[in-house]
Each structure stands twice: as structure tokens, then as C-alpha cells.
C-alpha atoms as a PDB file:
ATOM      1  CA  MET A   1     -19.605 -22.045  15.983  1.00  0.00           C
ATOM      2  CA  SER A   2     -17.114 -20.744  13.456  1.00  0.00           C
ATOM      3  CA  GLN A   3     -13.616 -19.866  14.561  1.00  0.00           C
ATOM      4  CA  LEU A   4     -12.586 -16.316  13.813  1.00  0.00           C
ATOM      5  CA  ASN A   5      -9.145 -15.639  12.411  1.00  0.00           C
ATOM      6  CA  TYR A   6      -7.746 -12.148  12.727  1.00  0.00           C
ATOM      7  CA  SER A   7      -5.267 -10.654  10.316  1.00  0.00           C
ATOM      8  CA  TYR A   8      -3.610  -7.419   9.310  1.00  0.00           C
ATOM      9  CA  ARG A   9      -2.436  -6.497   5.839  1.00  0.00           C
ATOM     10  CA  ILE A  10       0.368  -3.970   5.513  1.00  0.00           C
ATOM     11  CA  LYS A  11       1.665  -2.662   2.196  1.00  0.00           C
ATOM     12  CA  SER A  12       5.149  -1.135   2.065  1.00  0.00           C
ATOM     13  CA  TYR A  13       7.485   0.133  -0.628  1.00  0.00           C
ATOM     14  CA  PHE A  14      11.213   0.610  -1.049  1.00  0.00           C
ATOM     15  CA  ASN A  15      13.434   1.469  -4.002  1.00  0.00           C
ATOM     16  CA  ALA A  16      16.439  -0.693  -4.783  1.00  0.00           C
ATOM     17  CA  SER A  17      18.312  -1.770  -7.871  1.00  0.00           C
ATOM     18  CA  HIS A  18      19.668  -5.123  -8.952  1.00  0.00           C
ATOM     19  CA  ALA A  19      21.236  -6.867 -11.928  1.00  0.00           C
ATOM     20  CA  ILE A  20      20.511 -10.474 -12.782  1.00  0.00           C
ATOM     21  CA  ARG A  21      23.472 -12.778 -13.395  1.00  0.00           C
ATOM     22  CA  TRP A  22      23.145 -14.997 -16.459  1.00  0.00           C
ATOM     23  CA  GLU A  23      25.376 -17.751 -17.811  1.00  0.00           C
ATOM     24  CA  ASN A  24      27.005 -15.360 -20.261  1.00  0.00           C
ATOM     25  CA  GLY A  25      27.332 -12.381 -17.904  1.00  0.00           C
ATOM     26  CA  THR A  26      25.410  -9.943 -15.757  1.00  0.00           C
ATOM     27  CA  GLY A  27      22.417  -8.030 -17.035  1.00  0.00           C
ATOM     28  CA  GLN A  28      22.019  -4.295 -16.817  1.00  0.00           C
ATOM     29  CA  LYS A  29      21.636  -2.706 -13.388  1.00  0.00           C
ATOM     30  CA  HIS A  30      18.110  -1.333 -13.019  1.00  0.00           C
ATOM     31  CA  THR A  31      15.915   0.031 -10.232  1.00  0.00           C
ATOM     32  CA  HIS A  32      12.536  -1.145  -9.028  1.00  0.00           C
ATOM     33  CA  THR A  33      10.045   0.260  -6.603  1.00  0.00           C
ATOM     34  CA  TRP A  34       9.544  -2.977  -4.705  1.00  0.00           C
ATOM     35  CA  GLU A  35       6.096  -3.490  -3.219  1.00  0.00           C
ATOM     36  CA  VAL A  36       5.932  -5.704  -0.141  1.00  0.00           C
ATOM     37  CA  ILE A  37       2.595  -6.895   1.217  1.00  0.00           C
ATOM     38  CA  CYS A  38       2.624  -8.639   4.564  1.00  0.00           C
ATOM     39  CA  GLU A  39      -0.394 -10.452   5.901  1.00  0.00           C
ATOM     40  CA  LEU A  40      -0.107 -10.977   9.623  1.00  0.00           C
ATOM     41  CA  SER A  41      -2.282 -13.028  11.924  1.00  0.00           C
ATOM     42  CA  SER A  42      -3.079 -12.329  15.525  1.00  0.00           C
ATOM     43  CA  GLN A  43      -4.138 -14.959  18.024  1.00  0.00           C
ATOM     44  CA  SER A  44      -6.384 -12.597  19.895  1.00  0.00           C
ATOM     45  CA  GLU A  45      -8.876  -9.813  19.465  1.00  0.00           C
ATOM     46  CA  GLN A  46      -6.427  -7.447  21.094  1.00  0.00           C
ATOM     47  CA  THR A  47      -5.466  -4.562  18.869  1.00  0.00           C
ATOM     48  CA  VAL A  48      -1.964  -4.479  17.492  1.00  0.00           C
ATOM     49  CA  ILE A  49      -0.872  -0.944  16.833  1.00  0.00           C
ATOM     50  CA  PHE A  50      -0.292  -0.469  13.098  1.00  0.00           C
ATOM     51  CA  SER A  51       2.530   1.983  13.727  1.00  0.00           C
ATOM     52  CA  ASP A  52       4.425  -0.722  15.693  1.00  0.00           C
ATOM     53  CA  ILE A  53       4.166  -3.102  12.733  1.00  0.00           C
ATOM     54  CA  GLU A  54       5.139  -0.350  10.285  1.00  0.00           C
ATOM     55  CA  LYS A  55       8.099   0.646  12.464  1.00  0.00           C
ATOM     56  CA  ALA A  56       9.375  -2.950  12.472  1.00  0.00           C
ATOM     57  CA  LEU A  57       8.964  -3.238   8.691  1.00  0.00           C
ATOM     58  CA  ASN A  58      10.522   0.162   8.030  1.00  0.00           C
ATOM     59  CA  GLY A  59      13.532  -0.957  10.066  1.00  0.00           C
ATOM     60  CA  VAL A  60      14.061  -3.694   7.483  1.00  0.00           C
ATOM     61  CA  PHE A  61      13.517  -1.498   4.439  1.00  0.00           C
ATOM     62  CA  GLU A  62      15.531   1.523   5.545  1.00  0.00           C
ATOM     63  CA  ASN A  63      18.708  -0.573   5.458  1.00  0.00           C
ATOM     64  CA  ILE A  64      18.204  -1.525   1.801  1.00  0.00           C
ATOM     65  CA  SER A  65      16.290   1.411   0.343  1.00  0.00           C
ATOM     66  CA  GLY A  66      18.266   3.127  -2.378  1.00  0.00           C
ATOM     67  CA  GLY A  67      20.843   0.360  -2.448  1.00  0.00           C
ATOM     68  CA  PHE A  68      22.140  -2.088  -5.021  1.00  0.00           C
ATOM     69  CA  LEU A  69      21.028  -5.563  -3.916  1.00  0.00           C
ATOM     70  CA  ASN A  70      23.935  -7.319  -5.653  1.00  0.00           C
ATOM     71  CA  THR A  71      26.386  -5.718  -3.203  1.00  0.00           C
ATOM     72  CA  LEU A  72      24.632  -7.101  -0.115  1.00  0.00           C
ATOM     73  CA  GLU A  73      26.253 -10.120   1.530  1.00  0.00           C
ATOM     74  CA  ASP A  74      23.195 -12.324   0.852  1.00  0.00           C
ATOM     75  CA  PHE A  75      23.439 -11.620  -2.883  1.00  0.00           C
ATOM     76  CA  LYS A  76      27.187 -11.790  -3.435  1.00  0.00           C
ATOM     77  CA  GLU A  77      26.737 -15.356  -4.722  1.00  0.00           C
ATOM     78  CA  ARG A  78      22.941 -15.729  -4.925  1.00  0.00           C
ATOM     79  CA  ASN A  79      21.109 -14.072  -7.810  1.00  0.00           C
ATOM     80  CA  PRO A  80      18.852 -11.202  -6.619  1.00  0.00           C
ATOM     81  CA  THR A  81      15.778 -12.443  -8.490  1.00  0.00           C
ATOM     82  CA  VAL A  82      12.307 -11.616  -7.181  1.00  0.00           C
ATOM     83  CA  GLU A  83      12.086 -15.178  -5.809  1.00  0.00           C
ATOM     84  CA  ASN A  84      15.361 -14.911  -3.889  1.00  0.00           C
ATOM     85  CA  VAL A  85      14.583 -11.384  -2.695  1.00  0.00           C
ATOM     86  CA  THR A  86      11.237 -12.620  -1.348  1.00  0.00           C
ATOM     87  CA  LEU A  87      12.851 -15.491   0.581  1.00  0.00           C
ATOM     88  CA  TRP A  88      15.489 -13.105   1.945  1.00  0.00           C
ATOM     89  CA  LEU A  89      12.843 -10.564   3.000  1.00  0.00           C
ATOM     90  CA  TYR A  90      10.836 -13.352   4.632  1.00  0.00           C
ATOM     91  CA  ARG A  91      13.744 -14.079   6.982  1.00  0.00           C
ATOM     92  CA  LEU A  92      14.362 -10.389   7.728  1.00  0.00           C
ATOM     93  CA  ILE A  93      10.686  -9.558   8.293  1.00  0.00           C
ATOM     94  CA  THR A  94      10.036 -12.618  10.454  1.00  0.00           C
ATOM     95  CA  HIS A  95      12.946 -11.615  12.679  1.00  0.00           C
ATOM     96  CA  ALA A  96      11.797  -7.975  12.828  1.00  0.00           C
ATOM     97  CA  LEU A  97       8.288  -8.990  13.937  1.00  0.00           C
ATOM     98  CA  GLU A  98       9.391 -11.335  16.733  1.00  0.00           C
ATOM     99  CA  GLN A  99       8.650  -8.790  19.463  1.00  0.00           C
ATOM    100  CA  LEU A 100       5.083  -8.146  18.301  1.00  0.00           C
ATOM    101  CA  ASP A 101       2.115 -10.431  18.927  1.00  0.00           C
ATOM    102  CA  VAL A 102       1.634 -11.235  15.230  1.00  0.00           C
ATOM    103  CA  GLN A 103       2.724 -13.979  12.851  1.00  0.00           C
ATOM    104  CA  LEU A 104       3.575 -13.507   9.197  1.00  0.00           C
ATOM    105  CA  THR A 105       1.170 -15.715   7.234  1.00  0.00           C
ATOM    106  CA  ARG A 106       1.698 -14.458   3.687  1.00  0.00           C
ATOM    107  CA  LEU A 107       4.331 -12.376   1.985  1.00  0.00           C
ATOM    108  CA  GLU A 108       3.972 -10.881  -1.486  1.00  0.00           C
ATOM    109  CA  VAL A 109       6.889  -9.110  -3.128  1.00  0.00           C
ATOM    110  CA  SER A 110       6.502  -7.301  -6.454  1.00  0.00           C
ATOM    111  CA  GLU A 111       9.242  -5.836  -8.569  1.00  0.00           C
ATOM    112  CA  SER A 112       6.604  -4.360 -10.893  1.00  0.00           C
ATOM    113  CA  PRO A 113       2.805  -4.155 -11.001  1.00  0.00           C
ATOM    114  CA  THR A 114       2.721  -7.349 -13.086  1.00  0.00           C
ATOM    115  CA  ARG A 115       5.443  -9.449 -11.409  1.00  0.00           C
ATOM    116  CA  THR A 116       4.823 -10.773  -7.907  1.00  0.00           C
ATOM    117  CA  TYR A 117       6.231 -13.702  -5.962  1.00  0.00           C
ATOM    118  CA  CYS A 118       4.288 -14.999  -2.954  1.00  0.00           C
ATOM    119  CA  ILE A 119       5.059 -17.115   0.075  1.00  0.00           C
ATOM    120  CA  THR A 120       2.238 -18.510   2.192  1.00  0.00           C
ATOM    121  CA  ILE A 121       3.212 -19.788   5.626  1.00  0.00           C
ATOM    122  CA  SER A 122       1.113 -22.584   7.103  1.00  0.00           C
ATOM    123  CA  ASP A 123       1.425 -24.989   9.995  1.00  0.00           C
END
């Protein structure tokens, strides 16, 4: 018999600006509407309430929405590239979801419709 795997997929958005640091200086500050897609697995058939997941995710995004990523402590030294933002969001989102009966299995972060960085979590 096949084993069933259960998952949820939540898409969220927040607006934030950043400026990339280069060898010869810092690029121009610009804003993105960041798209964040979280795929979450559940170990049971029990329903997880979408609004609980969304509330946890919104708690992460409300602290950074409208902000300038370069001024955040995590990006004072580290460049706020889409790769580094994705790794940073992974840590924040994983922590925010600890109280829910779900595990983050994939995270996709886009700074534009054509630029996405993905992390897949596996055992």
C-alpha cells in the first residue's frame, strides 16, 4: 500500500527594499514585492487550520514589511541577496511554526516573477 504524504502550500507577500553591496560600492535602494511560498507537511490526516498557519507567517512578515532590509541586524554585514533573504526567512519561519503540527518542507522566495530561490528540506 502506498504511503500518503499530506502537505499545505501557503503563498504570502510582503514589500521591502534592499540595496546590494558590491566591491566598488552599494547599488541603488529598490523595493520588491517579495513572494514567499511555504510548503508544509503534516504527519496526520488531522486538519491544520489555515488561519493559524497564516497568522504565524504574518507575524514574521509584519515585522519587515515596508522596511529596508539592509538596516536589519542580520543584514548589517551580510548582503541582502535573494539567497541570503531566503535562508534568513527559513530560520524565522521555522521558529514561527514550532507551535503548529506542521513541518516546513520547501521554501520559495521570489523578488520578482522571474527570480526565485528555493530551499528543500529533507531528512
